[in-house]
Amino acid sequence: MKPTDKVEYPQGASCTIGKGAASQEADLGIGARIYGKEGCPHTSRARAALPRARFVDVLADPASLEEMLRLSGGVRRVPVIVRKDGVEIGFRRGS
């Protein structure tokens, strides 16, 4: 394998060989938060792809819902994924 080869894992997670530790952590969701709902298929896929991200159930805590709405600019769509490099609304495989 070359340092730039991309390795695909189940559930759409991936990692590029030779990346630095910070990039590998981002691939796993380390330091990320996923705002979502239990039972939501989109939230479930995001959680599977980012296994180290902290899950925040917006239905279980009204304050968490308010925080998600603030971060998403008022958009009521889950999941909302918060990482060091920004906020992503919704989840696309390979994100």
PDB file of N, CA and C in Angstrom:
ATOM      1  N   MET A   1       0.828  -1.184   0.000  1.00  0.00           N
ATOM      2  CA  MET A   1       0.000   0.000   0.000  1.00  0.00           C
ATOM      3  C   MET A   1       0.873   1.249   0.000  1.00  0.00           C
ATOM      4  N   LYS A   2       0.388   2.230  -0.706  1.00  0.00           N
ATOM      5  CA  LYS A   2       1.082   3.517  -0.743  1.00  0.00           C
ATOM      6  C   LYS A   2       0.546   4.418   0.367  1.00  0.00           C
ATOM      7  N   PRO A   3       1.309   5.424   0.754  1.00  0.00           N
ATOM      8  CA  PRO A   3       0.852   6.325   1.814  1.00  0.00           C
ATOM      9  C   PRO A   3      -0.451   7.046   1.508  1.00  0.00           C
ATOM     10  N   THR A   4      -0.848   7.101   0.258  1.00  0.00           N
ATOM     11  CA  THR A   4      -2.088   7.808  -0.078  1.00  0.00           C
ATOM     12  C   THR A   4      -3.252   6.866  -0.337  1.00  0.00           C
ATOM     13  N   ASP A   5      -3.061   5.542  -0.180  1.00  0.00           N
ATOM     14  CA  ASP A   5      -4.146   4.591  -0.410  1.00  0.00           C
ATOM     15  C   ASP A   5      -5.238   4.766   0.634  1.00  0.00           C
ATOM     16  N   LYS A   6      -6.484   4.696   0.178  1.00  0.00           N
ATOM     17  CA  LYS A   6      -7.622   4.833   1.078  1.00  0.00           C
ATOM     18  C   LYS A   6      -8.153   3.441   1.401  1.00  0.00           C
ATOM     19  N   VAL A   7      -8.400   3.174   2.666  1.00  0.00           N
ATOM     20  CA  VAL A   7      -8.930   1.898   3.116  1.00  0.00           C
ATOM     21  C   VAL A   7     -10.382   2.114   3.509  1.00  0.00           C
ATOM     22  N   GLU A   8     -11.287   1.295   2.965  1.00  0.00           N
ATOM     23  CA  GLU A   8     -12.706   1.395   3.291  1.00  0.00           C
ATOM     24  C   GLU A   8     -13.046   0.365   4.360  1.00  0.00           C
ATOM     25  N   TYR A   9     -13.836   0.768   5.331  1.00  0.00           N
ATOM     26  CA  TYR A   9     -14.286  -0.093   6.408  1.00  0.00           C
ATOM     27  C   TYR A   9     -15.797  -0.248   6.314  1.00  0.00           C
ATOM     28  N   PRO A  10     -16.372  -1.230   7.021  1.00  0.00           N
ATOM     29  CA  PRO A  10     -17.832  -1.368   7.026  1.00  0.00           C
ATOM     30  C   PRO A  10     -18.503  -0.088   7.514  1.00  0.00           C
ATOM     31  N   GLN A  11     -19.744   0.099   7.130  1.00  0.00           N
ATOM     32  CA  GLN A  11     -20.565   1.256   7.494  1.00  0.00           C
ATOM     33  C   GLN A  11     -20.039   2.567   6.930  1.00  0.00           C
ATOM     34  N   GLY A  12     -19.208   2.496   5.897  1.00  0.00           N
ATOM     35  CA  GLY A  12     -18.789   3.708   5.216  1.00  0.00           C
ATOM     36  C   GLY A  12     -17.627   4.456   5.824  1.00  0.00           C
ATOM     37  N   ALA A  13     -17.080   3.993   6.950  1.00  0.00           N
ATOM     38  CA  ALA A  13     -15.912   4.663   7.535  1.00  0.00           C
ATOM     39  C   ALA A  13     -14.695   4.386   6.667  1.00  0.00           C
ATOM     40  N   SER A  14     -13.743   5.295   6.649  1.00  0.00           N
ATOM     41  CA  SER A  14     -12.541   5.099   5.851  1.00  0.00           C
ATOM     42  C   SER A  14     -11.371   5.798   6.513  1.00  0.00           C
ATOM     43  N   CYS A  15     -10.195   5.431   6.087  1.00  0.00           N
ATOM     44  CA  CYS A  15      -8.970   6.035   6.598  1.00  0.00           C
ATOM     45  C   CYS A  15      -7.943   5.992   5.481  1.00  0.00           C
ATOM     46  N   THR A  16      -7.193   7.046   5.296  1.00  0.00           N
ATOM     47  CA  THR A  16      -6.139   7.061   4.297  1.00  0.00           C
ATOM     48  C   THR A  16      -4.827   6.696   4.967  1.00  0.00           C
ATOM     49  N   ILE A  17      -4.135   5.710   4.393  1.00  0.00           N
ATOM     50  CA  ILE A  17      -2.865   5.256   4.945  1.00  0.00           C
ATOM     51  C   ILE A  17      -1.878   6.415   4.919  1.00  0.00           C
ATOM     52  N   GLY A  18      -1.141   6.569   5.996  1.00  0.00           N
ATOM     53  CA  GLY A  18      -0.129   7.608   6.059  1.00  0.00           C
ATOM     54  C   GLY A  18      -0.627   8.936   6.592  1.00  0.00           C
ATOM     55  N   LYS A  19      -1.897   9.020   6.918  1.00  0.00           N
ATOM     56  CA  LYS A  19      -2.408  10.257   7.504  1.00  0.00           C
ATOM     57  C   LYS A  19      -1.835  10.439   8.896  1.00  0.00           C
ATOM     58  N   GLY A  20      -1.779  11.663   9.338  1.00  0.00           N
ATOM     59  CA  GLY A  20      -1.347  11.952  10.697  1.00  0.00           C
ATOM     60  C   GLY A  20      -2.403  11.539  11.703  1.00  0.00           C
ATOM     61  N   ALA A  21      -2.024  11.518  12.962  1.00  0.00           N
ATOM     62  CA  ALA A  21      -2.931  11.084  14.023  1.00  0.00           C
ATOM     63  C   ALA A  21      -4.198  11.932  14.076  1.00  0.00           C
ATOM     64  N   ALA A  22      -4.089  13.225  13.865  1.00  0.00           N
ATOM     65  CA  ALA A  22      -5.272  14.092  13.925  1.00  0.00           C
ATOM     66  C   ALA A  22      -6.277  13.722  12.845  1.00  0.00           C
ATOM     67  N   SER A  23      -5.807  13.405  11.636  1.00  0.00           N
ATOM     68  CA  SER A  23      -6.710  13.024  10.556  1.00  0.00           C
ATOM     69  C   SER A  23      -7.361  11.685  10.840  1.00  0.00           C
ATOM     70  N   GLN A  24      -6.612  10.744  11.394  1.00  0.00           N
ATOM     71  CA  GLN A  24      -7.179   9.443  11.728  1.00  0.00           C
ATOM     72  C   GLN A  24      -8.231   9.590  12.822  1.00  0.00           C
ATOM     73  N   GLU A  25      -7.988  10.458  13.793  1.00  0.00           N
ATOM     74  CA  GLU A  25      -8.968  10.699  14.845  1.00  0.00           C
ATOM     75  C   GLU A  25     -10.250  11.270  14.255  1.00  0.00           C
ATOM     76  N   ALA A  26     -10.132  12.171  13.303  1.00  0.00           N
ATOM     77  CA  ALA A  26     -11.315  12.756  12.671  1.00  0.00           C
ATOM     78  C   ALA A  26     -12.102  11.693  11.925  1.00  0.00           C
ATOM     79  N   ASP A  27     -11.410  10.743  11.267  1.00  0.00           N
ATOM     80  CA  ASP A  27     -12.092   9.676  10.545  1.00  0.00           C
ATOM     81  C   ASP A  27     -12.961   8.838  11.475  1.00  0.00           C
ATOM     82  N   LEU A  28     -12.546   8.645  12.713  1.00  0.00           N
ATOM     83  CA  LEU A  28     -13.294   7.841  13.676  1.00  0.00           C
ATOM     84  C   LEU A  28     -14.301   8.656  14.467  1.00  0.00           C
ATOM     85  N   GLY A  29     -14.229   9.957  14.327  1.00  0.00           N
ATOM     86  CA  GLY A  29     -15.154  10.816  15.046  1.00  0.00           C
ATOM     87  C   GLY A  29     -14.663  11.227  16.415  1.00  0.00           C
ATOM     88  N   ILE A  30     -13.384  11.010  16.710  1.00  0.00           N
ATOM     89  CA  ILE A  30     -12.853  11.385  18.017  1.00  0.00           C
ATOM     90  C   ILE A  30     -12.978  12.898  18.180  1.00  0.00           C
ATOM     91  N   GLY A  31     -13.588  13.312  19.268  1.00  0.00           N
ATOM     92  CA  GLY A  31     -13.786  14.732  19.528  1.00  0.00           C
ATOM     93  C   GLY A  31     -15.033  15.298  18.871  1.00  0.00           C
ATOM     94  N   ALA A  32     -15.752  14.493  18.100  1.00  0.00           N
ATOM     95  CA  ALA A  32     -16.965  14.953  17.425  1.00  0.00           C
ATOM     96  C   ALA A  32     -18.192  14.677  18.292  1.00  0.00           C
ATOM     97  N   ARG A  33     -19.277  15.386  17.986  1.00  0.00           N
ATOM     98  CA  ARG A  33     -20.571  15.140  18.628  1.00  0.00           C
ATOM     99  C   ARG A  33     -21.594  14.900  17.534  1.00  0.00           C
ATOM    100  N   ILE A  34     -22.473  13.936  17.769  1.00  0.00           N
ATOM    101  CA  ILE A  34     -23.577  13.660  16.854  1.00  0.00           C
ATOM    102  C   ILE A  34     -24.870  13.951  17.596  1.00  0.00           C
ATOM    103  N   TYR A  35     -25.589  14.979  17.153  1.00  0.00           N
ATOM    104  CA  TYR A  35     -26.904  15.281  17.702  1.00  0.00           C
ATOM    105  C   TYR A  35     -27.909  14.524  16.847  1.00  0.00           C
ATOM    106  N   GLY A  36     -28.726  13.687  17.489  1.00  0.00           N
ATOM    107  CA  GLY A  36     -29.676  12.900  16.725  1.00  0.00           C
ATOM    108  C   GLY A  36     -30.760  12.309  17.600  1.00  0.00           C
ATOM    109  N   LYS A  37     -31.473  11.328  17.019  1.00  0.00           N
ATOM    110  CA  LYS A  37     -32.579  10.677  17.715  1.00  0.00           C
ATOM    111  C   LYS A  37     -32.351   9.174  17.700  1.00  0.00           C
ATOM    112  N   GLU A  38     -32.644   8.523  18.826  1.00  0.00           N
ATOM    113  CA  GLU A  38     -32.616   7.064  18.875  1.00  0.00           C
ATOM    114  C   GLU A  38     -33.632   6.540  17.860  1.00  0.00           C
ATOM    115  N   GLY A  39     -33.262   5.511  17.129  1.00  0.00           N
ATOM    116  CA  GLY A  39     -34.170   4.903  16.169  1.00  0.00           C
ATOM    117  C   GLY A  39     -34.171   5.543  14.792  1.00  0.00           C
ATOM    118  N   CYS A  40     -33.519   6.672  14.628  1.00  0.00           N
ATOM    119  CA  CYS A  40     -33.441   7.335  13.323  1.00  0.00           C
ATOM    120  C   CYS A  40     -32.386   6.626  12.475  1.00  0.00           C
ATOM    121  N   PRO A  41     -32.727   6.153  11.269  1.00  0.00           N
ATOM    122  CA  PRO A  41     -31.741   5.429  10.455  1.00  0.00           C
ATOM    123  C   PRO A  41     -30.548   6.286  10.037  1.00  0.00           C
ATOM    124  N   HIS A  42     -30.757   7.565   9.806  1.00  0.00           N
ATOM    125  CA  HIS A  42     -29.649   8.445   9.413  1.00  0.00           C
ATOM    126  C   HIS A  42     -28.688   8.654  10.587  1.00  0.00           C
ATOM    127  N   THR A  43     -29.250   8.850  11.771  1.00  0.00           N
ATOM    128  CA  THR A  43     -28.425   8.977  12.974  1.00  0.00           C
ATOM    129  C   THR A  43     -27.664   7.685  13.224  1.00  0.00           C
ATOM    130  N   SER A  44     -28.319   6.549  13.049  1.00  0.00           N
ATOM    131  CA  SER A  44     -27.667   5.248  13.263  1.00  0.00           C
ATOM    132  C   SER A  44     -26.488   5.059  12.325  1.00  0.00           C
ATOM    133  N   ARG A  45     -26.633   5.451  11.057  1.00  0.00           N
ATOM    134  CA  ARG A  45     -25.520   5.327  10.101  1.00  0.00           C
ATOM    135  C   ARG A  45     -24.364   6.247  10.485  1.00  0.00           C
ATOM    136  N   ALA A  46     -24.676   7.448  10.924  1.00  0.00           N
ATOM    137  CA  ALA A  46     -23.618   8.375  11.349  1.00  0.00           C
ATOM    138  C   ALA A  46     -22.877   7.822  12.558  1.00  0.00           C
ATOM    139  N   ARG A  47     -23.612   7.260  13.500  1.00  0.00           N
ATOM    140  CA  ARG A  47     -22.978   6.698  14.700  1.00  0.00           C
ATOM    141  C   ARG A  47     -22.104   5.503  14.355  1.00  0.00           C
ATOM    142  N   ALA A  48     -22.535   4.683  13.398  1.00  0.00           N
ATOM    143  CA  ALA A  48     -21.734   3.525  12.989  1.00  0.00           C
ATOM    144  C   ALA A  48     -20.462   3.963  12.268  1.00  0.00           C
ATOM    145  N   ALA A  49     -20.561   5.022  11.474  1.00  0.00           N
ATOM    146  CA  ALA A  49     -19.399   5.502  10.714  1.00  0.00           C
ATOM    147  C   ALA A  49     -18.419   6.284  11.586  1.00  0.00           C
ATOM    148  N   LEU A  50     -18.911   6.869  12.665  1.00  0.00           N
ATOM    149  CA  LEU A  50     -18.074   7.674  13.571  1.00  0.00           C
ATOM    150  C   LEU A  50     -18.187   7.095  14.986  1.00  0.00           C
ATOM    151  N   PRO A  51     -17.628   5.906  15.196  1.00  0.00           N
ATOM    152  CA  PRO A  51     -17.854   5.190  16.455  1.00  0.00           C
ATOM    153  C   PRO A  51     -17.326   5.882  17.702  1.00  0.00           C
ATOM    154  N   ARG A  52     -16.393   6.789  17.568  1.00  0.00           N
ATOM    155  CA  ARG A  52     -15.818   7.446  18.751  1.00  0.00           C
ATOM    156  C   ARG A  52     -16.475   8.796  19.050  1.00  0.00           C
ATOM    157  N   ALA A  53     -17.425   9.196  18.219  1.00  0.00           N
ATOM    158  CA  ALA A  53     -18.125  10.464  18.456  1.00  0.00           C
ATOM    159  C   ALA A  53     -19.081  10.320  19.638  1.00  0.00           C
ATOM    160  N   ARG A  54     -19.291  11.417  20.351  1.00  0.00           N
ATOM    161  CA  ARG A  54     -20.233  11.422  21.476  1.00  0.00           C
ATOM    162  C   ARG A  54     -21.640  11.636  20.924  1.00  0.00           C
ATOM    163  N   PHE A  55     -22.573  10.758  21.292  1.00  0.00           N
ATOM    164  CA  PHE A  55     -23.952  10.861  20.835  1.00  0.00           C
ATOM    165  C   PHE A  55     -24.762  11.697  21.815  1.00  0.00           C
ATOM    166  N   VAL A  56     -25.541  12.638  21.271  1.00  0.00           N
ATOM    167  CA  VAL A  56     -26.415  13.490  22.075  1.00  0.00           C
ATOM    168  C   VAL A  56     -27.841  13.278  21.570  1.00  0.00           C
ATOM    169  N   ASP A  57     -28.700  12.681  22.405  1.00  0.00           N
ATOM    170  CA  ASP A  57     -30.088  12.408  22.036  1.00  0.00           C
ATOM    171  C   ASP A  57     -30.919  13.669  22.268  1.00  0.00           C
ATOM    172  N   VAL A  58     -31.358  14.291  21.179  1.00  0.00           N
ATOM    173  CA  VAL A  58     -32.066  15.574  21.289  1.00  0.00           C
ATOM    174  C   VAL A  58     -33.496  15.421  21.798  1.00  0.00           C
ATOM    175  N   LEU A  59     -34.032  14.202  21.769  1.00  0.00           N
ATOM    176  CA  LEU A  59     -35.374  13.991  22.307  1.00  0.00           C
ATOM    177  C   LEU A  59     -35.349  13.777  23.816  1.00  0.00           C
ATOM    178  N   ALA A  60     -34.224  13.331  24.336  1.00  0.00           N
ATOM    179  CA  ALA A  60     -34.115  13.034  25.764  1.00  0.00           C
ATOM    180  C   ALA A  60     -33.873  14.278  26.608  1.00  0.00           C
ATOM    181  N   ASP A  61     -33.384  15.338  25.982  1.00  0.00           N
ATOM    182  CA  ASP A  61     -33.008  16.534  26.743  1.00  0.00           C
ATOM    183  C   ASP A  61     -33.331  17.790  25.940  1.00  0.00           C
ATOM    184  N   PRO A  62     -34.323  18.575  26.365  1.00  0.00           N
ATOM    185  CA  PRO A  62     -34.690  19.794  25.634  1.00  0.00           C
ATOM    186  C   PRO A  62     -33.527  20.768  25.449  1.00  0.00           C
ATOM    187  N   ALA A  63     -32.619  20.834  26.408  1.00  0.00           N
ATOM    188  CA  ALA A  63     -31.466  21.734  26.276  1.00  0.00           C
ATOM    189  C   ALA A  63     -30.563  21.288  25.126  1.00  0.00           C
ATOM    190  N   SER A  64     -30.451  19.979  24.919  1.00  0.00           N
ATOM    191  CA  SER A  64     -29.647  19.459  23.804  1.00  0.00           C
ATOM    192  C   SER A  64     -30.276  19.815  22.464  1.00  0.00           C
ATOM    193  N   LEU A  65     -31.607  19.761  22.398  1.00  0.00           N
ATOM    194  CA  LEU A  65     -32.300  20.161  21.172  1.00  0.00           C
ATOM    195  C   LEU A  65     -32.037  21.634  20.879  1.00  0.00           C
ATOM    196  N   GLU A  66     -32.110  22.483  21.889  1.00  0.00           N
ATOM    197  CA  GLU A  66     -31.835  23.910  21.699  1.00  0.00           C
ATOM    198  C   GLU A  66     -30.398  24.139  21.234  1.00  0.00           C
ATOM    199  N   GLU A  67     -29.461  23.394  21.811  1.00  0.00           N
ATOM    200  CA  GLU A  67     -28.057  23.507  21.403  1.00  0.00           C
ATOM    201  C   GLU A  67     -27.885  23.084  19.946  1.00  0.00           C
ATOM    202  N   MET A  68     -28.540  21.964  19.547  1.00  0.00           N
ATOM    203  CA  MET A  68     -28.465  21.507  18.163  1.00  0.00           C
ATOM    204  C   MET A  68     -29.028  22.561  17.210  1.00  0.00           C
ATOM    205  N   LEU A  69     -30.162  23.156  17.569  1.00  0.00           N
ATOM    206  CA  LEU A  69     -30.773  24.179  16.715  1.00  0.00           C
ATOM    207  C   LEU A  69     -29.874  25.404  16.585  1.00  0.00           C
ATOM    208  N   ARG A  70     -29.204  25.768  17.659  1.00  0.00           N
ATOM    209  CA  ARG A  70     -28.266  26.900  17.602  1.00  0.00           C
ATOM    210  C   ARG A  70     -27.111  26.578  16.659  1.00  0.00           C
ATOM    211  N   LEU A  71     -26.570  25.365  16.776  1.00  0.00           N
ATOM    212  CA  LEU A  71     -25.428  24.965  15.947  1.00  0.00           C
ATOM    213  C   LEU A  71     -25.804  24.812  14.472  1.00  0.00           C
ATOM    214  N   SER A  72     -27.048  24.380  14.215  1.00  0.00           N
ATOM    215  CA  SER A  72     -27.481  24.124  12.838  1.00  0.00           C
ATOM    216  C   SER A  72     -28.152  25.325  12.193  1.00  0.00           C
ATOM    217  N   GLY A  73     -28.180  26.450  12.881  1.00  0.00           N
ATOM    218  CA  GLY A  73     -28.834  27.629  12.326  1.00  0.00           C
ATOM    219  C   GLY A  73     -30.345  27.495  12.283  1.00  0.00           C
ATOM    220  N   GLY A  74     -30.898  26.693  13.201  1.00  0.00           N
ATOM    221  CA  GLY A  74     -32.342  26.525  13.283  1.00  0.00           C
ATOM    222  C   GLY A  74     -32.898  25.387  12.452  1.00  0.00           C
ATOM    223  N   VAL A  75     -32.041  24.658  11.764  1.00  0.00           N
ATOM    224  CA  VAL A  75     -32.496  23.543  10.925  1.00  0.00           C
ATOM    225  C   VAL A  75     -32.871  22.366  11.815  1.00  0.00           C
ATOM    226  N   ARG A  76     -34.093  21.859  11.650  1.00  0.00           N
ATOM    227  CA  ARG A  76     -34.588  20.724  12.440  1.00  0.00           C
ATOM    228  C   ARG A  76     -34.431  19.441  11.640  1.00  0.00           C
ATOM    229  N   ARG A  77     -33.210  19.027  11.454  1.00  0.00           N
ATOM    230  CA  ARG A  77     -32.915  17.803  10.703  1.00  0.00           C
ATOM    231  C   ARG A  77     -31.767  17.099  11.411  1.00  0.00           C
ATOM    232  N   VAL A  78     -31.891  15.792  11.584  1.00  0.00           N
ATOM    233  CA  VAL A  78     -30.820  15.032  12.230  1.00  0.00           C
ATOM    234  C   VAL A  78     -30.252  14.017  11.249  1.00  0.00           C
ATOM    235  N   PRO A  79     -29.011  13.626  11.466  1.00  0.00           N
ATOM    236  CA  PRO A  79     -28.138  14.070  12.534  1.00  0.00           C
ATOM    237  C   PRO A  79     -27.465  15.402  12.203  1.00  0.00           C
ATOM    238  N   VAL A  80     -27.021  16.072  13.250  1.00  0.00           N
ATOM    239  CA  VAL A  80     -26.146  17.233  13.125  1.00  0.00           C
ATOM    240  C   VAL A  80     -24.815  16.798  13.721  1.00  0.00           C
ATOM    241  N   ILE A  81     -23.771  16.830  12.900  1.00  0.00           N
ATOM    242  CA  ILE A  81     -22.453  16.357  13.309  1.00  0.00           C
ATOM    243  C   ILE A  81     -21.545  17.565  13.491  1.00  0.00           C
ATOM    244  N   VAL A  82     -20.982  17.680  14.675  1.00  0.00           N
ATOM    245  CA  VAL A  82     -20.110  18.806  15.007  1.00  0.00           C
ATOM    246  C   VAL A  82     -18.695  18.273  15.167  1.00  0.00           C
ATOM    247  N   ARG A  83     -17.788  18.801  14.341  1.00  0.00           N
ATOM    248  CA  ARG A  83     -16.372  18.437  14.404  1.00  0.00           C
ATOM    249  C   ARG A  83     -15.555  19.718  14.517  1.00  0.00           C
ATOM    250  N   LYS A  84     -14.265  19.548  14.685  1.00  0.00           N
ATOM    251  CA  LYS A  84     -13.374  20.708  14.787  1.00  0.00           C
ATOM    252  C   LYS A  84     -13.467  21.603  13.560  1.00  0.00           C
ATOM    253  N   ASP A  85     -13.696  20.990  12.385  1.00  0.00           N
ATOM    254  CA  ASP A  85     -13.690  21.761  11.141  1.00  0.00           C
ATOM    255  C   ASP A  85     -15.059  22.290  10.730  1.00  0.00           C
ATOM    256  N   GLY A  86     -16.081  22.088  11.553  1.00  0.00           N
ATOM    257  CA  GLY A  86     -17.373  22.651  11.213  1.00  0.00           C
ATOM    258  C   GLY A  86     -18.556  21.791  11.608  1.00  0.00           C
ATOM    259  N   VAL A  87     -19.724  22.183  11.111  1.00  0.00           N
ATOM    260  CA  VAL A  87     -20.988  21.519  11.415  1.00  0.00           C
ATOM    261  C   VAL A  87     -21.549  20.950  10.122  1.00  0.00           C
ATOM    262  N   GLU A  88     -21.973  19.688  10.180  1.00  0.00           N
ATOM    263  CA  GLU A  88     -22.581  19.019   9.026  1.00  0.00           C
ATOM    264  C   GLU A  88     -24.014  18.668   9.397  1.00  0.00           C
ATOM    265  N   ILE A  89     -24.960  19.050   8.548  1.00  0.00           N
ATOM    266  CA  ILE A  89     -26.364  18.735   8.782  1.00  0.00           C
ATOM    267  C   ILE A  89     -26.734  17.584   7.867  1.00  0.00           C
ATOM    268  N   GLY A  90     -27.226  16.492   8.461  1.00  0.00           N
ATOM    269  CA  GLY A  90     -27.500  15.273   7.716  1.00  0.00           C
ATOM    270  C   GLY A  90     -26.244  14.423   7.657  1.00  0.00           C
ATOM    271  N   PHE A  91     -26.384  13.232   7.087  1.00  0.00           N
ATOM    272  CA  PHE A  91     -25.227  12.348   6.977  1.00  0.00           C
ATOM    273  C   PHE A  91     -25.229  11.687   5.616  1.00  0.00           C
ATOM    274  N   ARG A  92     -24.076  11.763   4.954  1.00  0.00           N
ATOM    275  CA  ARG A  92     -23.873  11.081   3.677  1.00  0.00           C
ATOM    276  C   ARG A  92     -22.780  10.061   3.893  1.00  0.00           C
ATOM    277  N   ARG A  93     -22.989   8.865   3.380  1.00  0.00           N
ATOM    278  CA  ARG A  93     -21.973   7.815   3.500  1.00  0.00           C
ATOM    279  C   ARG A  93     -20.649   8.361   2.983  1.00  0.00           C
ATOM    280  N   GLY A  94     -19.585   8.129   3.731  1.00  0.00           N
ATOM    281  CA  GLY A  94     -18.274   8.621   3.345  1.00  0.00           C
ATOM    282  C   GLY A  94     -17.976  10.019   3.861  1.00  0.00           C
ATOM    283  N   SER A  95     -18.874  10.585   4.667  1.00  0.00           N
ATOM    284  CA  SER A  95     -18.660  11.929   5.225  1.00  0.00           C
ATOM    285  C   SER A  95     -17.562  11.926   6.253  1.00  0.00           C
TER     286      SER A  95
END
